[in-house]
């Protein structure tokens, strides 16, 4: 039934898209080329689906098949929305046609001209997402951005005023396909002068071997004075492929956990460490993945054993839904939570000060950037890599730099 529904929707989309081309041009070769290309894309997409090997998981073939499918599907959806809306309007208009035109010839000519204009307009509008998705696959996925935030706290220990944390998240190293661009991104990470570095999960798509070609590169990132720390993401558990046995799955999980150490990060598994400076301290708490709709292995109570509510705490938790459902109202106050996971869906529109939108916001309340609740903050990193769709449109890969300041120094420049 699901396949029949999908095929029915695709046929409706194709019908309207073809009608738009047919109305906009009478050149039969353009129409033939359109039908041929559309057919090839759909056949390739379904071929990728039906030959998908769950023992391998996501591959370059599936990445590009999905990306190519989106490249043609989304512009066609734009066409459908515009033309279907016009058809609904025409239906209502026809009901009252005798009140609009007495001369039916005049009316028919008007409708034909309007339809041709609207079809050409719809094709022009649809060209925008088409170009954007192509750009996202060619350039956007490696358009790394450094995003800086300064956060103020009443009870930050004085020794940590001006303390700088750099955060990366969601490498998804199994998707990397351009060593030169990845090296450039790693150089950007290393160029940031910070006191501590954190990595909030998803080092691979599924298998530990995906990271092996990149270990030496990520080891070039210098260790800050107060260390590198990491937590696991949902993809690090190897649960999205089929394994020959539970032993194979467990060995892969052990190998993935070891990867974090191999690139110099101390992996926090429902535990905390004390970061000490000038006889003062803050607690860095790291939990395993906890997602409202994903694996719930994180145990925040276990991770904070021995800590008091008044202790200044930074939490590393991969999925921001953890903050929404457990963390922000937890009796042991968490001053700052650092997450990732959403990627901002790798698709959206962000113009600082004007608009911030992505379809992922209808699933996650906190999906990109900094959010505050009763003087507690969460930062959701947009991710370094990409997954499922081999590109990024409007939501660029991110390296976050967060500076901690005491509230009393809010009017003063950062150290």
Protein backbone atom coordinates (compact mmCIF):
# COMPACT_ATOMS: atom_id res chain seq x y z
CA UNK A 1 0.00 0.00 0.00
CA UNK A 2 2.84 2.41 0.82
CA UNK A 3 4.49 1.74 -2.54
CA UNK A 4 1.20 2.27 -4.36
CA UNK A 5 0.68 5.56 -2.52
CA UNK A 6 4.24 6.67 -3.34
CA UNK A 7 3.83 5.75 -7.01
CA UNK A 8 0.48 7.55 -7.14
CA UNK A 9 1.98 10.74 -5.70
CA UNK A 10 4.94 10.57 -8.09
CA UNK A 11 2.61 10.10 -11.06
CA UNK A 12 0.57 13.14 -10.01
CA UNK A 13 3.75 15.19 -9.71
CA UNK A 14 5.00 13.98 -13.09
CA UNK A 15 1.66 14.73 -14.73
CA UNK A 16 1.65 18.35 -13.61
CA UNK A 17 5.34 18.83 -14.35
CA UNK A 18 4.89 17.48 -17.89
CA UNK A 19 1.87 19.70 -18.41
CA UNK A 20 3.95 22.70 -17.41
CA UNK A 21 6.63 21.84 -19.96
CA UNK A 22 4.06 21.03 -22.62
CA UNK A 23 2.25 24.32 -22.11
CA UNK A 24 5.43 26.38 -21.93
CA UNK A 25 6.98 24.96 -25.12
CA UNK A 26 5.85 23.17 -28.25
CA UNK A 27 9.35 21.92 -29.08
CA UNK A 28 8.98 18.13 -29.15
CA UNK A 29 12.71 17.52 -28.57
CA UNK A 30 12.61 19.46 -25.32
CA UNK A 31 9.63 17.39 -24.22
CA UNK A 32 11.33 14.14 -25.26
CA UNK A 33 14.51 15.13 -23.41
CA UNK A 34 12.49 16.01 -20.31
CA UNK A 35 10.67 12.66 -20.30
CA UNK A 36 13.90 10.73 -20.91
CA UNK A 37 15.85 12.44 -18.11
CA UNK A 38 12.94 12.11 -15.66
CA UNK A 39 12.61 8.42 -16.46
CA UNK A 40 16.34 7.79 -16.00
CA UNK A 41 16.36 9.56 -12.62
CA UNK A 42 13.33 7.65 -11.31
CA UNK A 43 14.65 4.29 -12.56
CA UNK A 44 18.07 4.94 -10.98
CA UNK A 45 16.47 5.96 -7.70
CA UNK A 46 14.32 2.84 -7.46
CA UNK A 47 17.26 0.71 -8.58
CA UNK A 48 19.28 2.10 -5.67
CA UNK A 49 16.41 1.38 -3.28
CA UNK A 50 15.78 -2.19 -4.41
CA UNK A 51 19.49 -3.06 -4.53
CA UNK A 52 20.22 -1.45 -1.15
CA UNK A 53 22.37 -3.78 0.92
CA UNK A 54 21.59 -3.46 4.62
CA UNK A 55 24.87 -5.11 5.47
CA UNK A 56 26.71 -2.17 3.89
CA UNK A 57 24.46 0.70 4.84
CA UNK A 58 24.69 4.04 3.08
CA UNK A 59 27.10 4.08 0.13
CA UNK A 60 28.16 6.66 -2.45
CA UNK A 61 25.61 5.12 -4.80
CA UNK A 62 22.69 5.64 -2.43
CA UNK A 63 23.89 9.14 -1.50
CA UNK A 64 23.96 10.31 -5.08
CA UNK A 65 20.81 8.46 -6.09
CA UNK A 66 18.87 10.24 -3.36
CA UNK A 67 20.53 13.58 -4.14
CA UNK A 68 19.74 13.26 -7.84
CA UNK A 69 16.15 12.29 -7.07
CA UNK A 70 15.71 15.34 -4.82
CA UNK A 71 17.27 17.55 -7.48
CA UNK A 72 14.41 16.75 -9.83
CA UNK A 73 11.62 16.06 -7.34
CA UNK A 74 11.62 19.31 -5.33
CA UNK A 75 11.39 21.63 -8.39
CA UNK A 76 8.53 19.47 -9.67
CA UNK A 77 6.74 19.83 -6.36
CA UNK A 78 7.04 23.60 -6.81
CA UNK A 79 5.38 23.20 -10.22
CA UNK A 80 2.59 21.09 -8.73
CA UNK A 81 1.86 23.60 -5.98
CA UNK A 82 1.59 26.46 -8.44
CA UNK A 83 -0.35 24.65 -11.17
CA UNK A 84 -2.63 22.71 -8.84
CA UNK A 85 -3.49 25.94 -7.10
CA UNK A 86 -4.31 27.49 -10.45
CA UNK A 87 -6.50 24.51 -11.37
CA UNK A 88 -8.45 24.86 -8.14
CA UNK A 89 -8.92 28.54 -8.91
CA UNK A 90 -10.10 27.71 -12.44
CA UNK A 91 -12.58 25.19 -11.07
CA UNK A 92 -14.11 27.80 -8.83
CA UNK A 93 -14.03 30.30 -11.63
CA UNK A 94 -15.84 27.96 -14.02
CA UNK A 95 -18.71 27.63 -11.57
CA UNK A 96 -19.31 31.35 -11.91
CA UNK A 97 -18.15 31.64 -15.52
CA UNK A 98 -21.37 33.21 -16.75
CA UNK A 99 -20.72 36.14 -14.43
CA UNK A 100 -17.17 36.62 -15.75
CA UNK A 101 -17.35 36.33 -19.54
CA UNK A 102 -20.35 36.35 -21.81
CA UNK A 103 -18.19 35.59 -24.84
CA UNK A 104 -16.88 32.01 -24.44
CA UNK A 105 -14.25 32.49 -27.17
CA UNK A 106 -12.82 35.42 -25.31
CA UNK A 107 -12.85 33.40 -22.12
CA UNK A 108 -11.06 30.41 -23.69
CA UNK A 109 -8.33 32.60 -25.16
CA UNK A 110 -7.83 34.27 -21.81
CA UNK A 111 -7.48 30.95 -19.96
CA UNK A 112 -4.99 29.54 -22.51
CA UNK A 113 -2.83 32.65 -22.30
CA UNK A 114 -2.97 32.65 -18.51
CA UNK A 115 -2.04 28.97 -18.33
CA UNK A 116 0.94 29.48 -20.61
CA UNK A 117 2.15 32.44 -18.56
CA UNK A 118 1.73 30.56 -15.28
CA UNK A 119 3.54 27.47 -16.64
CA UNK A 120 6.52 29.57 -17.67
CA UNK A 121 6.48 31.40 -14.35
CA UNK A 122 6.32 28.09 -12.46
CA UNK A 123 9.26 26.72 -14.46
CA UNK A 124 11.25 29.84 -13.62
CA UNK A 125 10.45 29.53 -9.92
CA UNK A 126 11.24 25.78 -9.94
CA UNK A 127 14.66 26.52 -11.43
CA UNK A 128 15.69 28.16 -8.15
CA UNK A 129 15.54 25.02 -5.92
CA UNK A 130 16.99 22.99 -8.81
CA UNK A 131 20.06 25.24 -8.92
CA UNK A 132 20.28 25.39 -5.12
CA UNK A 133 20.26 21.59 -4.71
CA UNK A 134 22.92 21.20 -7.40
CA UNK A 135 25.04 23.83 -5.65
CA UNK A 136 24.50 22.07 -2.32
CA UNK A 137 25.88 18.82 -3.73
CA UNK A 138 28.83 20.39 -5.52
CA UNK A 139 29.88 23.20 -3.15
CA UNK A 140 27.53 23.64 -0.20
CA UNK A 141 28.40 20.46 1.69
CA UNK A 142 31.96 21.70 2.17
CA UNK A 143 31.20 25.39 2.73
CA UNK A 144 32.50 25.31 6.30
CA UNK A 145 31.53 28.17 8.59
CA UNK A 146 32.94 29.19 11.98
CA UNK A 147 30.05 30.36 14.17
CA UNK A 148 30.86 32.20 17.39
CA UNK A 149 28.74 32.70 20.49
CA UNK A 150 29.47 34.48 23.76
CA UNK A 151 27.32 33.28 26.66
CA UNK A 152 27.00 34.96 30.05
CA UNK A 153 26.42 33.26 33.41
CA UNK A 154 25.88 34.63 36.90
CA UNK A 155 27.69 31.77 38.59
CA UNK A 156 30.56 31.00 36.22
CA UNK A 157 33.73 30.59 38.32
CA UNK A 158 35.96 33.63 37.86
CA UNK A 159 38.89 31.56 36.61
CA UNK A 160 36.78 30.48 33.62
CA UNK A 161 35.72 33.97 32.55
CA UNK A 162 36.76 34.05 28.87
CA UNK A 163 37.11 30.27 28.62
CA UNK A 164 36.78 29.21 24.96
CA UNK A 165 35.30 25.92 23.75
CA UNK A 166 35.35 24.78 20.13
CA UNK A 167 32.76 22.21 19.15
CA UNK A 168 32.38 19.91 16.18
CA UNK A 169 29.68 17.33 15.64
CA UNK A 170 28.38 14.76 13.16
CA UNK A 171 31.40 13.98 11.00
CA UNK A 172 29.66 11.10 9.23
CA UNK A 173 33.05 10.18 7.82
CA UNK A 174 31.54 7.44 5.68
CA UNK A 175 30.06 10.16 3.48
CA UNK A 176 33.30 12.07 2.85
CA UNK A 177 34.20 12.16 -0.83
CA UNK A 178 36.70 15.01 -1.19
CA UNK A 179 39.97 14.70 0.80
CA UNK A 180 41.11 18.20 -0.16
CA UNK A 181 37.92 19.83 1.19
CA UNK A 182 37.98 17.76 4.38
CA UNK A 183 41.60 18.76 4.95
CA UNK A 184 40.59 22.40 4.55
CA UNK A 185 37.83 21.96 7.14
CA UNK A 186 40.25 20.31 9.57
CA UNK A 187 42.69 23.20 9.11
CA UNK A 188 39.86 25.58 10.01
CA UNK A 189 39.22 23.62 13.21
CA UNK A 190 42.90 23.63 14.11
CA UNK A 191 43.26 27.35 13.44
CA UNK A 192 40.88 28.21 16.27
CA UNK A 193 42.62 29.06 19.53
CA UNK A 194 40.50 27.45 22.26
CA UNK A 195 40.91 26.19 25.81
CA UNK A 196 39.02 22.96 25.17
CA UNK A 197 37.59 21.02 22.23
CA UNK A 198 34.47 18.84 22.25
CA UNK A 199 32.98 16.47 19.69
CA UNK A 200 29.29 15.66 20.12
CA UNK A 201 28.94 12.37 18.29
CA UNK A 202 28.36 10.54 14.99
CA UNK A 203 31.94 9.98 13.93
CA UNK A 204 30.72 7.48 11.29
CA UNK A 205 27.55 6.55 9.45
CA UNK A 206 27.66 2.98 10.69
CA UNK A 207 31.03 1.19 10.55
CA UNK A 208 34.32 1.95 12.25
CA UNK A 209 36.26 1.37 9.02
CA UNK A 210 34.67 4.48 7.50
CA UNK A 211 36.91 6.65 9.70
CA UNK A 212 40.17 4.80 9.08
CA UNK A 213 41.28 6.91 6.07
CA UNK A 214 40.78 10.10 8.06
CA UNK A 215 42.39 9.31 11.42
CA UNK A 216 45.81 10.77 10.60
CA UNK A 217 44.20 13.96 9.26
CA UNK A 218 42.08 14.57 12.35
CA UNK A 219 45.10 13.86 14.52
CA UNK A 220 46.68 17.03 13.15
CA UNK A 221 44.25 19.05 15.29
CA UNK A 222 46.29 20.27 18.25
CA UNK A 223 45.13 19.33 21.72
CA UNK A 224 44.02 22.45 23.65
CA UNK A 225 45.34 23.07 27.17
CA UNK A 226 42.26 21.56 28.83
CA UNK A 227 41.87 18.62 26.47
CA UNK A 228 39.55 17.09 23.90
CA UNK A 229 36.36 15.28 24.90
CA UNK A 230 33.59 13.47 23.05
CA UNK A 231 30.31 11.60 23.37
CA UNK A 232 28.58 9.05 21.16
CA UNK A 233 25.86 9.79 18.62
CA UNK A 234 23.05 7.54 17.47
CA UNK A 235 24.97 6.42 14.35
CA UNK A 236 27.90 5.27 16.49
CA UNK A 237 25.98 2.23 17.72
CA UNK A 238 25.88 0.53 14.30
CA UNK A 239 22.14 -0.04 14.47
CA UNK A 240 21.19 0.98 10.93
CA UNK A 241 22.61 -2.02 9.10
CA UNK A 242 22.29 -5.80 9.31
CA UNK A 243 25.14 -7.70 10.99
CA UNK A 244 26.12 -11.35 10.55
CA UNK A 245 25.92 -11.75 14.33
CA UNK A 246 25.66 -9.78 17.55
CA UNK A 247 29.37 -10.39 18.04
CA UNK A 248 30.17 -8.56 14.79
CA UNK A 249 27.96 -5.66 15.86
CA UNK A 250 29.56 -5.47 19.29
CA UNK A 251 33.07 -5.59 17.85
CA UNK A 252 32.17 -2.73 15.53
CA UNK A 253 30.81 -0.74 18.47
CA UNK A 254 34.03 -1.28 20.41
CA UNK A 255 36.03 -0.18 17.38
CA UNK A 256 33.92 2.97 17.01
CA UNK A 257 34.43 3.90 20.64
CA UNK A 258 38.16 3.39 20.13
CA UNK A 259 38.13 5.78 17.17
CA UNK A 260 37.52 8.75 19.44
CA UNK A 261 40.67 7.91 21.39
CA UNK A 262 42.57 7.41 18.15
CA UNK A 263 41.91 11.06 17.23
CA UNK A 264 42.80 12.27 20.72
CA UNK A 265 39.38 12.63 22.36
CA UNK A 266 38.51 11.26 25.79
CA UNK A 267 35.14 9.54 25.33
CA UNK A 268 32.67 10.22 28.15
CA UNK A 269 30.22 7.37 28.66
CA UNK A 270 27.65 8.52 31.23
CA UNK A 271 30.35 10.11 33.35
CA UNK A 272 31.91 13.44 34.11
CA UNK A 273 35.32 15.03 34.53
CA UNK A 274 36.31 18.10 36.49
CA UNK A 275 38.08 20.82 34.54
CA UNK A 276 40.29 22.70 36.98
CA UNK A 277 41.82 26.15 36.60
CA UNK A 278 43.37 28.35 39.29
CA UNK A 279 41.90 26.25 42.11
CA UNK A 280 38.41 26.53 40.63
CA UNK A 281 36.50 23.97 38.61
CA UNK A 282 33.65 23.29 36.25
CA UNK A 283 32.16 19.88 35.51
CA UNK A 284 32.09 18.48 31.99
CA UNK A 285 29.36 15.83 31.81
CA UNK A 286 29.08 13.41 28.89
CA UNK A 287 26.20 11.03 28.27
CA UNK A 288 25.64 8.32 25.70
CA UNK A 289 23.01 8.98 23.06
CA UNK A 290 19.57 9.87 24.38
CA UNK A 291 16.99 10.76 21.77
CA UNK A 292 13.25 11.15 22.10
CA UNK A 293 12.83 9.16 18.88
CA UNK A 294 16.19 7.37 18.94
CA UNK A 295 18.31 5.20 21.18
CA UNK A 296 18.08 6.04 24.87
CA UNK A 297 21.40 4.88 26.29
CA UNK A 298 22.21 8.13 28.10
CA UNK A 299 21.93 8.16 31.88
CA UNK A 300 22.18 11.70 33.16
CA UNK A 301 21.80 10.71 36.81
CA UNK A 302 24.67 8.23 36.58
CA UNK A 303 26.80 10.78 34.77
CA UNK A 304 26.33 13.39 37.52
CA UNK A 305 26.83 11.22 40.59
CA UNK A 306 28.68 13.28 43.16
CA UNK A 307 27.86 16.63 41.56
CA UNK A 308 25.73 19.28 43.26
CA UNK A 309 23.07 21.52 41.75
CA UNK A 310 25.25 24.58 42.34
CA UNK A 311 28.26 23.13 40.49
CA UNK A 312 28.80 24.78 37.12
CA UNK A 313 28.10 22.07 34.54
CA UNK A 314 28.51 21.69 30.80
CA UNK A 315 26.70 18.72 29.29
CA UNK A 316 27.65 16.93 26.09
CA UNK A 317 24.59 15.15 24.69
CA UNK A 318 24.28 14.35 21.00
CA UNK A 319 20.52 14.69 20.50
CA UNK A 320 18.96 18.08 21.44
CA UNK A 321 15.64 16.43 22.26
CA UNK A 322 17.41 15.24 25.43
CA UNK A 323 17.59 18.87 26.56
CA UNK A 324 13.91 19.40 25.85
CA UNK A 325 12.66 16.26 27.61
CA UNK A 326 15.12 15.68 30.46
CA UNK A 327 17.82 18.29 30.85
CA UNK A 328 16.36 21.79 30.95
CA UNK A 329 14.19 21.08 34.01
CA UNK A 330 16.59 18.67 35.73
CA UNK A 331 17.11 19.48 39.42
CA UNK A 332 20.87 19.43 38.89
CA UNK A 333 21.18 22.58 36.86
CA UNK A 334 23.01 22.24 33.55
CA UNK A 335 24.28 25.65 32.58
CA UNK A 336 25.23 24.76 29.02
CA UNK A 337 24.37 21.76 26.84
CA UNK A 338 26.22 21.07 23.60
CA UNK A 339 24.47 18.93 20.99
CA UNK A 340 24.32 18.15 17.27
CA UNK A 341 22.33 15.45 15.48
CA UNK A 342 19.83 17.48 13.44
CA UNK A 343 22.24 18.83 10.75
CA UNK A 344 19.57 21.52 10.36
CA UNK A 345 18.24 18.89 7.94
CA UNK A 346 21.00 20.19 5.60
CA UNK A 347 18.26 22.28 4.00
CA UNK A 348 16.75 25.60 4.97
CA UNK A 349 17.04 29.37 4.89
CA UNK A 350 19.09 31.37 7.38
CA UNK A 351 19.52 35.13 7.14
CA UNK A 352 20.70 36.41 10.55
CA UNK A 353 18.25 38.87 12.00
CA UNK A 354 15.58 38.12 9.38
CA UNK A 355 14.72 34.45 8.95
CA UNK A 356 15.73 31.06 10.29
CA UNK A 357 13.77 28.17 8.84
CA UNK A 358 14.18 24.51 8.08
CA UNK A 359 11.65 21.65 7.86
CA UNK A 360 13.49 20.05 10.79
CA UNK A 361 12.02 22.69 13.13
CA UNK A 362 8.70 20.84 12.97
CA UNK A 363 10.42 17.85 14.58
CA UNK A 364 12.93 19.49 16.94
CA UNK A 365 12.26 22.61 18.98
CA UNK A 366 16.00 23.21 19.20
CA UNK A 367 17.58 22.46 15.85
CA UNK A 368 20.42 24.92 15.10
CA UNK A 369 22.27 27.51 17.14
CA UNK A 370 21.81 28.73 20.72
CA UNK A 371 18.55 28.54 22.73
CA UNK A 372 17.93 29.72 26.28
CA UNK A 373 15.54 28.63 29.02
CA UNK A 374 15.65 30.14 32.51
CA UNK A 375 19.33 31.08 32.17
CA UNK A 376 20.25 27.63 30.84
CA UNK A 377 21.58 27.31 27.31
CA UNK A 378 21.85 24.74 24.59
CA UNK A 379 23.87 25.02 21.40
CA UNK A 380 22.91 22.73 18.52
CA UNK A 381 25.81 22.40 16.11
CA UNK A 382 24.72 22.07 12.46
CA UNK A 383 27.26 19.31 11.85
CA UNK A 384 30.60 19.05 10.07
CA UNK A 385 29.60 16.34 7.58
CA UNK A 386 26.48 15.21 5.80
CA UNK A 387 24.25 12.16 5.63
CA UNK A 388 21.49 10.75 3.39
CA UNK A 389 21.50 13.77 1.07
CA UNK A 390 24.97 14.43 -0.35
CA UNK A 391 24.76 18.18 0.00
CA UNK A 392 23.71 21.21 2.01
CA UNK A 393 21.39 24.03 0.98
CA UNK A 394 21.23 27.11 3.20
CA UNK A 395 22.38 25.19 6.29
CA UNK A 396 26.16 25.09 6.06
CA UNK A 397 28.65 22.80 7.85
CA UNK A 398 29.63 24.32 11.16
CA UNK A 399 32.50 24.68 13.59
CA UNK A 400 31.23 26.34 16.76
CA UNK A 401 33.28 28.58 19.05
CA UNK A 402 31.70 29.38 22.41
CA UNK A 403 33.17 31.86 24.88
CA UNK A 404 32.03 31.67 28.52
CA UNK A 405 31.76 34.97 30.39
CA UNK A 406 30.59 36.07 33.78
CA UNK A 407 27.34 38.06 33.68
CA UNK A 408 28.97 41.00 35.45
CA UNK A 409 31.27 41.41 32.44
CA UNK A 410 28.51 41.42 29.82
CA UNK A 411 29.19 45.01 28.82
CA UNK A 412 32.94 44.41 28.54
CA UNK A 413 34.70 43.03 25.43
CA UNK A 414 35.61 39.33 25.34
CA UNK A 415 39.07 38.40 26.56
